[in-house]
Amino acid sequence: MAKGGFTVDWLEKKLEEVKENKKKVDTGKARLQQMEQELQKLNQKCLDLKALMEKEDADVSASNVAFSFDDVV
């Protein structure tokens, strides 16, 4: 079409914009997926740590009984 006297610069420019936008979207989707996976790992670590804290608290509570003088003698 350019040989026939038509200018297609605007079309080429628009095509470049579309390509750049698609690249941004694809890159953004990949980053979001990576962040989601990392968040899942961190959430699991938090759950594991919370369970460990609850177990430790239960152990401490069980060990923290009041002693009387009769228990010592």
C-alpha atoms as a PDB file:
ATOM      1  CA  MET A   1       0.000   0.000   0.000  1.00  0.00           C
ATOM      2  CA  ALA A   2       2.899   2.342   0.662  1.00  0.00           C
ATOM      3  CA  LYS A   3       3.988   1.937  -2.970  1.00  0.00           C
ATOM      4  CA  GLY A   4       0.563   3.002  -4.157  1.00  0.00           C
ATOM      5  CA  GLY A   5       0.923   6.385  -2.476  1.00  0.00           C
ATOM      6  CA  PHE A   6      -0.851   5.474   0.744  1.00  0.00           C
ATOM      7  CA  THR A   7       0.925   6.269   3.974  1.00  0.00           C
ATOM      8  CA  VAL A   8       0.673   3.594   6.592  1.00  0.00           C
ATOM      9  CA  ASP A   9       2.892   5.184   9.225  1.00  0.00           C
ATOM     10  CA  TRP A  10      -0.068   5.646  11.535  1.00  0.00           C
ATOM     11  CA  LEU A  11      -0.988   1.985  11.144  1.00  0.00           C
ATOM     12  CA  GLU A  12       2.559   0.829  11.863  1.00  0.00           C
ATOM     13  CA  LYS A  13       2.672   3.105  14.901  1.00  0.00           C
ATOM     14  CA  LYS A  14      -0.634   1.707  16.161  1.00  0.00           C
ATOM     15  CA  LEU A  15       0.601  -1.851  15.617  1.00  0.00           C
ATOM     16  CA  GLU A  16       3.722  -1.098  17.677  1.00  0.00           C
ATOM     17  CA  GLU A  17       1.541   0.296  20.479  1.00  0.00           C
ATOM     18  CA  VAL A  18      -0.589  -2.847  20.445  1.00  0.00           C
ATOM     19  CA  LYS A  19       2.530  -5.053  20.544  1.00  0.00           C
ATOM     20  CA  GLU A  20       3.951  -3.073  23.483  1.00  0.00           C
ATOM     21  CA  ASN A  21       0.660  -3.253  25.377  1.00  0.00           C
ATOM     22  CA  LYS A  22       0.443  -7.006  24.828  1.00  0.00           C
ATOM     23  CA  LYS A  23       4.009  -7.407  26.063  1.00  0.00           C
ATOM     24  CA  LYS A  24       3.174  -5.375  29.201  1.00  0.00           C
ATOM     25  CA  VAL A  25       0.079  -7.485  29.853  1.00  0.00           C
ATOM     26  CA  ASP A  26       1.978 -10.753  29.399  1.00  0.00           C
ATOM     27  CA  THR A  27       4.800  -9.565  31.655  1.00  0.00           C
ATOM     28  CA  GLY A  28       2.321  -8.345  34.257  1.00  0.00           C
ATOM     29  CA  LYS A  29       0.454 -11.647  34.259  1.00  0.00           C
ATOM     30  CA  ALA A  30       3.700 -13.570  34.752  1.00  0.00           C
ATOM     31  CA  ARG A  31       4.700 -11.308  37.656  1.00  0.00           C
ATOM     32  CA  LEU A  32       1.263 -11.677  39.249  1.00  0.00           C
ATOM     33  CA  GLN A  33       1.517 -15.451  39.022  1.00  0.00           C
ATOM     34  CA  GLN A  34       4.961 -15.390  40.660  1.00  0.00           C
ATOM     35  CA  MET A  35       3.673 -13.132  43.437  1.00  0.00           C
ATOM     36  CA  GLU A  36       0.674 -15.408  44.001  1.00  0.00           C
ATOM     37  CA  GLN A  37       2.953 -18.429  44.357  1.00  0.00           C
ATOM     38  CA  GLU A  38       5.219 -16.546  46.761  1.00  0.00           C
ATOM     39  CA  LEU A  39       2.195 -15.417  48.784  1.00  0.00           C
ATOM     40  CA  GLN A  40       0.971 -19.011  49.050  1.00  0.00           C
ATOM     41  CA  LYS A  41       4.392 -20.086  50.350  1.00  0.00           C
ATOM     42  CA  LEU A  42       4.414 -17.259  52.897  1.00  0.00           C
ATOM     43  CA  ASN A  43       0.864 -18.061  54.014  1.00  0.00           C
ATOM     44  CA  GLN A  44       1.865 -21.687  54.568  1.00  0.00           C
ATOM     45  CA  LYS A  45       4.895 -20.569  56.591  1.00  0.00           C
ATOM     46  CA  CYS A  46       2.613 -18.374  58.715  1.00  0.00           C
ATOM     47  CA  LEU A  47       0.228 -21.265  59.328  1.00  0.00           C
ATOM     48  CA  ASP A  48       3.121 -23.553  60.270  1.00  0.00           C
ATOM     49  CA  LEU A  49       4.552 -20.950  62.640  1.00  0.00           C
ATOM     50  CA  LYS A  50       1.153 -20.343  64.234  1.00  0.00           C
ATOM     51  CA  ALA A  51       0.710 -24.081  64.828  1.00  0.00           C
ATOM     52  CA  LEU A  52       4.183 -24.232  66.368  1.00  0.00           C
ATOM     53  CA  MET A  53       3.369 -21.287  68.640  1.00  0.00           C
ATOM     54  CA  GLU A  54       0.119 -22.911  69.758  1.00  0.00           C
ATOM     55  CA  LYS A  55       1.952 -26.158  70.535  1.00  0.00           C
ATOM     56  CA  GLU A  56       4.627 -24.292  72.467  1.00  0.00           C
ATOM     57  CA  ASP A  57       1.966 -22.351  74.366  1.00  0.00           C
ATOM     58  CA  ALA A  58       0.195 -25.591  75.267  1.00  0.00           C
ATOM     59  CA  ASP A  59       3.489 -27.108  76.457  1.00  0.00           C
ATOM     60  CA  VAL A  60       4.275 -24.035  78.561  1.00  0.00           C
ATOM     61  CA  SER A  61       0.773 -23.954  80.025  1.00  0.00           C
ATOM     62  CA  ALA A  62       0.977 -27.635  80.932  1.00  0.00           C
ATOM     63  CA  SER A  63       4.356 -27.125  82.591  1.00  0.00           C
ATOM     64  CA  ASN A  64       3.304 -23.992  84.438  1.00  0.00           C
ATOM     65  CA  VAL A  65       1.407 -25.543  87.318  1.00  0.00           C
ATOM     66  CA  ALA A  66       1.272 -24.027  90.763  1.00  0.00           C
ATOM     67  CA  PHE A  67       3.468 -25.724  93.336  1.00  0.00           C
ATOM     68  CA  SER A  68       2.528 -25.930  96.934  1.00  0.00           C
ATOM     69  CA  PHE A  69       4.834 -26.400  99.887  1.00  0.00           C
ATOM     70  CA  ASP A  70       3.728 -30.022 100.143  1.00  0.00           C
ATOM     71  CA  ASP A  71       4.926 -30.703  96.575  1.00  0.00           C
ATOM     72  CA  VAL A  72       8.438 -29.576  97.475  1.00  0.00           C
ATOM     73  CA  VAL A  73       8.744 -31.448 100.747  1.00  0.00           C
END
